PDB file of N, CA and C in Angstrom:
ATOM      1  N   MET A   1     106.746  91.689  98.308  1.00  0.00           N
ATOM      2  CA  MET A   1     105.950  90.481  97.432  1.00  0.00           C
ATOM      3  C   MET A   1     105.145  89.353  98.030  1.00  0.00           C
ATOM      4  N   MET A   2     104.068  89.116  97.495  1.00  0.00           N
ATOM      5  CA  MET A   2     103.570  88.453  98.701  1.00  0.00           C
ATOM      6  C   MET A   2     103.359  87.193  97.907  1.00  0.00           C
ATOM      7  N   SER A   3     103.299  86.467  98.519  1.00  0.00           N
ATOM      8  CA  SER A   3     102.532  84.712  97.960  1.00  0.00           C
ATOM      9  C   SER A   3     102.042  84.333  98.044  1.00  0.00           C
ATOM     10  N   VAL A   4     101.417  83.188  97.122  1.00  0.00           N
ATOM     11  CA  VAL A   4     100.207  82.696  97.430  1.00  0.00           C
ATOM     12  C   VAL A   4     100.443  81.297  98.343  1.00  0.00           C
ATOM     13  N   THR A   5      99.953  81.205  99.181  1.00  0.00           N
ATOM     14  CA  THR A   5      99.755  79.711 100.163  1.00  0.00           C
ATOM     15  C   THR A   5      98.800  78.532  99.530  1.00  0.00           C
ATOM     16  N   VAL A   6      99.031  77.554 100.455  1.00  0.00           N
ATOM     17  CA  VAL A   6      98.062  76.612  99.861  1.00  0.00           C
ATOM     18  C   VAL A   6      96.832  76.820 100.914  1.00  0.00           C
ATOM     19  N   LEU A   7      97.122  77.753 101.960  1.00  0.00           N
ATOM     20  CA  LEU A   7      95.622  78.205 102.607  1.00  0.00           C
ATOM     21  C   LEU A   7      94.888  79.099 101.617  1.00  0.00           C
ATOM     22  N   ASP A   8      95.879  79.941 101.380  1.00  0.00           N
ATOM     23  CA  ASP A   8      95.263  81.063 100.576  1.00  0.00           C
ATOM     24  C   ASP A   8      94.033  79.898  99.531  1.00  0.00           C
ATOM     25  N   ILE A   9      94.745  79.115  98.738  1.00  0.00           N
ATOM     26  CA  ILE A   9      94.452  78.342  97.939  1.00  0.00           C
ATOM     27  C   ILE A   9      92.748  77.745  98.398  1.00  0.00           C
ATOM     28  N   LEU A  10      93.017  77.356  99.218  1.00  0.00           N
ATOM     29  CA  LEU A  10      92.008  76.146  99.730  1.00  0.00           C
ATOM     30  C   LEU A  10      90.779  77.571 100.320  1.00  0.00           C
ATOM     31  N   LYS A  11      91.172  78.767 100.997  1.00  0.00           N
ATOM     32  CA  LYS A  11      89.504  79.194 100.987  1.00  0.00           C
ATOM     33  C   LYS A  11      89.153  79.904 100.125  1.00  0.00           C
ATOM     34  N   GLY A  12      90.478  79.901  98.811  1.00  0.00           N
ATOM     35  CA  GLY A  12      89.244  80.265  97.447  1.00  0.00           C
ATOM     36  C   GLY A  12      88.408  79.082  97.146  1.00  0.00           C
ATOM     37  N   LEU A  13      88.856  78.452  97.314  1.00  0.00           N
ATOM     38  CA  LEU A  13      88.165  76.834  96.638  1.00  0.00           C
ATOM     39  C   LEU A  13      86.801  76.659  98.047  1.00  0.00           C
ATOM     40  N   PHE A  14      87.235  77.065  99.122  1.00  0.00           N
ATOM     41  CA  PHE A  14      85.887  76.725 100.147  1.00  0.00           C
ATOM     42  C   PHE A  14      84.580  77.809  99.699  1.00  0.00           C
ATOM     43  N   VAL A  15      85.422  79.224  99.421  1.00  0.00           N
ATOM     44  CA  VAL A  15      84.209  79.862  98.821  1.00  0.00           C
ATOM     45  C   VAL A  15      83.897  80.079  97.870  1.00  0.00           C
ATOM     46  N   ALA A  16      84.104  79.785  96.463  1.00  0.00           N
ATOM     47  CA  ALA A  16      83.686  78.889  95.483  1.00  0.00           C
ATOM     48  C   ALA A  16      82.719  78.052  95.827  1.00  0.00           C
ATOM     49  N   ALA A  17      82.945  76.540  96.497  1.00  0.00           N
ATOM     50  CA  ALA A  17      82.126  75.357  96.696  1.00  0.00           C
ATOM     51  C   ALA A  17      80.888  76.363  97.453  1.00  0.00           C
ATOM     52  N   THR A  18      81.303  77.000  98.594  1.00  0.00           N
ATOM     53  CA  THR A  18      79.961  77.904  98.807  1.00  0.00           C
ATOM     54  C   THR A  18      79.137  78.261  98.449  1.00  0.00           C
ATOM     55  N   VAL A  19      79.765  79.521  97.181  1.00  0.00           N
ATOM     56  CA  VAL A  19      78.703  79.699  96.495  1.00  0.00           C
ATOM     57  C   VAL A  19      78.178  79.210  95.446  1.00  0.00           C
ATOM     58  N   GLY A  20      79.330  77.864  95.254  1.00  0.00           N
ATOM     59  CA  GLY A  20      77.944  77.014  94.092  1.00  0.00           C
ATOM     60  C   GLY A  20      76.735  76.219  94.468  1.00  0.00           C
ATOM     61  N   ALA A  21      77.470  76.090  95.856  1.00  0.00           N
ATOM     62  CA  ALA A  21      76.122  75.112  97.125  1.00  0.00           C
ATOM     63  C   ALA A  21      74.670  76.278  97.366  1.00  0.00           C
ATOM     64  N   ILE A  22      75.112  77.667  97.372  1.00  0.00           N
ATOM     65  CA  ILE A  22      73.646  78.694  97.537  1.00  0.00           C
ATOM     66  C   ILE A  22      73.303  78.264  96.011  1.00  0.00           C
ATOM     67  N   VAL A  23      73.611  78.378  95.163  1.00  0.00           N
ATOM     68  CA  VAL A  23      73.555  78.446  93.444  1.00  0.00           C
ATOM     69  C   VAL A  23      72.159  77.421  93.307  1.00  0.00           C
ATOM     70  N   VAL A  24      73.145  75.861  94.045  1.00  0.00           N
ATOM     71  CA  VAL A  24      72.219  75.265  93.645  1.00  0.00           C
ATOM     72  C   VAL A  24      70.963  74.803  94.470  1.00  0.00           C
ATOM     73  N   LEU A  25      71.204  75.114  95.753  1.00  0.00           N
ATOM     74  CA  LEU A  25      70.050  75.106  96.288  1.00  0.00           C
ATOM     75  C   LEU A  25      69.156  76.329  95.856  1.00  0.00           C
ATOM     76  N   ALA A  26      69.283  76.981  95.623  1.00  0.00           N
ATOM     77  CA  ALA A  26      68.418  78.447  94.995  1.00  0.00           C
ATOM     78  C   ALA A  26      68.097  78.005  93.376  1.00  0.00           C
ATOM     79  N   THR A  27      68.200  76.921  93.182  1.00  0.00           N
ATOM     80  CA  THR A  27      67.751  76.400  91.889  1.00  0.00           C
ATOM     81  C   THR A  27      66.918  75.549  91.392  1.00  0.00           C
ATOM     82  N   ASN A  28      67.315  74.931  92.607  1.00  0.00           N
ATOM     83  CA  ASN A  28      66.604  73.562  92.969  1.00  0.00           C
ATOM     84  C   ASN A  28      65.925  73.403  94.221  1.00  0.00           C
ATOM     85  N   TRP A  29      65.357  74.162  95.046  1.00  0.00           N
ATOM     86  CA  TRP A  29      65.362  73.801  95.750  1.00  0.00           C
ATOM     87  C   TRP A  29      63.664  73.337  96.046  1.00  0.00           C
ATOM     88  N   PRO A  30      63.591  72.130  96.755  1.00  0.00           N
ATOM     89  CA  PRO A  30      62.019  70.986  96.908  1.00  0.00           C
ATOM     90  C   PRO A  30      60.969  71.826  96.934  1.00  0.00           C
ATOM     91  N   GLY A  31      60.006  71.056  95.640  1.00  0.00           N
ATOM     92  CA  GLY A  31      58.609  71.606  95.990  1.00  0.00           C
ATOM     93  C   GLY A  31      57.877  71.037  96.889  1.00  0.00           C
ATOM     94  N   ARG A  32      56.779  71.272  97.214  1.00  0.00           N
ATOM     95  CA  ARG A  32      56.141  70.736  98.537  1.00  0.00           C
ATOM     96  C   ARG A  32      55.808  69.023  98.096  1.00  0.00           C
ATOM     97  N   LEU A  33      55.388  68.760  97.116  1.00  0.00           N
ATOM     98  CA  LEU A  33      55.503  67.130  96.858  1.00  0.00           C
ATOM     99  C   LEU A  33      56.940  66.689  97.536  1.00  0.00           C
ATOM    100  N   ASP A  34      57.932  67.160  96.906  1.00  0.00           N
ATOM    101  CA  ASP A  34      59.118  66.084  97.549  1.00  0.00           C
ATOM    102  C   ASP A  34      59.240  66.543  98.954  1.00  0.00           C
ATOM    103  N   LEU A  35      58.830  68.014  99.347  1.00  0.00           N
ATOM    104  CA  LEU A  35      59.066  67.494 101.027  1.00  0.00           C
ATOM    105  C   LEU A  35      57.866  66.722 101.674  1.00  0.00           C
ATOM    106  N   ARG A  36      56.939  66.287 101.266  1.00  0.00           N
ATOM    107  CA  ARG A  36      55.841  65.070 101.685  1.00  0.00           C
ATOM    108  C   ARG A  36      56.416  63.743 101.494  1.00  0.00           C
ATOM    109  N   VAL A  37      57.201  63.395 100.237  1.00  0.00           N
ATOM    110  CA  VAL A  37      57.809  62.611 100.463  1.00  0.00           C
ATOM    111  C   VAL A  37      58.836  61.921 100.604  1.00  0.00           C
ATOM    112  N   ALA A  38      59.322  63.111 101.300  1.00  0.00           N
ATOM    113  CA  ALA A  38      60.601  63.284 101.981  1.00  0.00           C
ATOM    114  C   ALA A  38      60.434  62.903 103.554  1.00  0.00           C
ATOM    115  N   MET A  39      59.024  63.718 103.670  1.00  0.00           N
ATOM    116  CA  MET A  39      59.150  63.568 105.448  1.00  0.00           C
ATOM    117  C   MET A  39      58.222  62.001 105.378  1.00  0.00           C
ATOM    118  N   ARG A  40      57.291  61.433 104.454  1.00  0.00           N
ATOM    119  CA  ARG A  40      56.996  60.282 104.599  1.00  0.00           C
ATOM    120  C   ARG A  40      58.175  59.213 105.058  1.00  0.00           C
ATOM    121  N   TYR A  41      59.180  59.126 103.908  1.00  0.00           N
ATOM    122  CA  TYR A  41      60.435  58.600 104.043  1.00  0.00           C
ATOM    123  C   TYR A  41      61.090  58.235 105.095  1.00  0.00           C
ATOM    124  N   LEU A  42      61.015  59.513 106.153  1.00  0.00           N
ATOM    125  CA  LEU A  42      61.652  59.632 107.301  1.00  0.00           C
ATOM    126  C   LEU A  42      60.825  58.916 108.045  1.00  0.00           C
ATOM    127  N   ARG A  43      59.551  59.043 108.304  1.00  0.00           N
ATOM    128  CA  ARG A  43      58.756  58.815 109.207  1.00  0.00           C
ATOM    129  C   ARG A  43      58.733  57.127 109.528  1.00  0.00           C
ATOM    130  N   SER A  44      58.301  56.682 107.884  1.00  0.00           N
ATOM    131  CA  SER A  44      58.899  55.108 107.574  1.00  0.00           C
ATOM    132  C   SER A  44      60.160  54.630 107.964  1.00  0.00           C
ATOM    133  N   ARG A  45      61.637  55.317 108.268  1.00  0.00           N
ATOM    134  CA  ARG A  45      62.471  54.921 109.080  1.00  0.00           C
ATOM    135  C   ARG A  45      63.154  54.972 110.265  1.00  0.00           C
ATOM    136  N   ARG A  46      61.421  55.838 110.955  1.00  0.00           N
ATOM    137  CA  ARG A  46      62.445  56.309 112.215  1.00  0.00           C
ATOM    138  C   ARG A  46      62.672  55.630 112.972  1.00  0.00           C
ATOM    139  N   SER A  47      62.109  54.219 112.886  1.00  0.00           N
ATOM    140  CA  SER A  47      62.214  52.874 114.150  1.00  0.00           C
ATOM    141  C   SER A  47      64.051  52.192 113.352  1.00  0.00           C
ATOM    142  N   SER A  48      64.050  52.433 112.577  1.00  0.00           N
ATOM    143  CA  SER A  48      65.562  52.046 112.176  1.00  0.00           C
ATOM    144  C   SER A  48      67.044  52.682 112.685  1.00  0.00           C
ATOM    145  N   ARG A  49      67.834  51.847 112.824  1.00  0.00           N
ATOM    146  CA  ARG A  49      68.931  52.707 113.723  1.00  0.00           C
ATOM    147  C   ARG A  49      69.362  53.515 112.530  1.00  0.00           C
ATOM    148  N   LEU A  50      69.723  52.951 111.477  1.00  0.00           N
ATOM    149  CA  LEU A  50      70.584  52.831 109.959  1.00  0.00           C
ATOM    150  C   LEU A  50      70.256  54.290 109.297  1.00  0.00           C
ATOM    151  N   ILE A  51      69.190  55.261 109.569  1.00  0.00           N
ATOM    152  CA  ILE A  51      69.091  56.514 108.814  1.00  0.00           C
ATOM    153  C   ILE A  51      70.321  56.835 108.672  1.00  0.00           C
ATOM    154  N   SER A  52      70.869  57.563 107.483  1.00  0.00           N
ATOM    155  CA  SER A  52      72.025  57.849 106.854  1.00  0.00           C
ATOM    156  C   SER A  52      71.862  59.232 107.140  1.00  0.00           C
ATOM    157  N   LEU A  53      73.237  59.622 107.554  1.00  0.00           N
ATOM    158  CA  LEU A  53      73.367  61.397 108.073  1.00  0.00           C
ATOM    159  C   LEU A  53      72.751  62.344 106.970  1.00  0.00           C
ATOM    160  N   ILE A  54      72.890  61.546 106.078  1.00  0.00           N
ATOM    161  CA  ILE A  54      72.591  62.680 104.542  1.00  0.00           C
ATOM    162  C   ILE A  54      70.836  62.586 104.563  1.00  0.00           C
ATOM    163  N   THR A  55      70.422  61.340 104.616  1.00  0.00           N
ATOM    164  CA  THR A  55      68.900  61.691 104.587  1.00  0.00           C
ATOM    165  C   THR A  55      68.345  62.484 105.638  1.00  0.00           C
ATOM    166  N   VAL A  56      68.957  63.048 107.303  1.00  0.00           N
ATOM    167  CA  VAL A  56      68.904  63.372 107.729  1.00  0.00           C
ATOM    168  C   VAL A  56      68.839  65.150 107.486  1.00  0.00           C
ATOM    169  N   ILE A  57      69.799  65.058 107.136  1.00  0.00           N
ATOM    170  CA  ILE A  57      70.604  66.596 106.678  1.00  0.00           C
ATOM    171  C   ILE A  57      69.643  66.991 105.711  1.00  0.00           C
ATOM    172  N   ALA A  58      69.650  65.942 104.994  1.00  0.00           N
ATOM    173  CA  ALA A  58      68.304  66.933 103.430  1.00  0.00           C
ATOM    174  C   ALA A  58      67.088  66.848 104.064  1.00  0.00           C
ATOM    175  N   VAL A  59      66.690  66.259 104.743  1.00  0.00           N
ATOM    176  CA  VAL A  59      65.431  66.575 104.783  1.00  0.00           C
ATOM    177  C   VAL A  59      65.358  67.909 105.960  1.00  0.00           C
ATOM    178  N   GLY A  60      66.127  67.843 107.013  1.00  0.00           N
ATOM    179  CA  GLY A  60      66.111  68.819 107.622  1.00  0.00           C
ATOM    180  C   GLY A  60      65.983  70.083 107.047  1.00  0.00           C
ATOM    181  N   ALA A  61      67.261  70.288 106.478  1.00  0.00           N
ATOM    182  CA  ALA A  61      67.345  71.181 105.276  1.00  0.00           C
ATOM    183  C   ALA A  61      66.228  71.495 104.441  1.00  0.00           C
ATOM    184  N   SER A  62      65.541  71.022 104.266  1.00  0.00           N
ATOM    185  CA  SER A  62      63.994  70.825 102.694  1.00  0.00           C
ATOM    186  C   SER A  62      63.268  71.245 104.264  1.00  0.00           C
ATOM    187  N   ARG A  63      63.312  71.083 105.652  1.00  0.00           N
ATOM    188  CA  ARG A  63      61.912  71.483 106.184  1.00  0.00           C
ATOM    189  C   ARG A  63      62.254  73.111 107.024  1.00  0.00           C
ATOM    190  N   SER A  64      63.587  73.316 107.454  1.00  0.00           N
ATOM    191  CA  SER A  64      63.212  74.907 107.616  1.00  0.00           C
ATOM    192  C   SER A  64      62.749  76.035 106.593  1.00  0.00           C
ATOM    193  N   ALA A  65      62.901  75.268 105.254  1.00  0.00           N
ATOM    194  CA  ALA A  65      61.971  76.178 104.101  1.00  0.00           C
ATOM    195  C   ALA A  65      60.776  76.903 104.535  1.00  0.00           C
TER     196      ALA A  65
END
């Protein structure tokens, strides 16, 4: 008899979250205007040391498209 462990539950939640993130990215992919606005914002904040990690990740992900 197999018992479900906490690790199995966490693995399942991770897979579900990954699938959800892929669906959100596929349905809400940024357009050209969004990318231009994001790049302009990043260029203006380049001299600042307080660029948030989330902003860098978001623009980097949208640039690789």
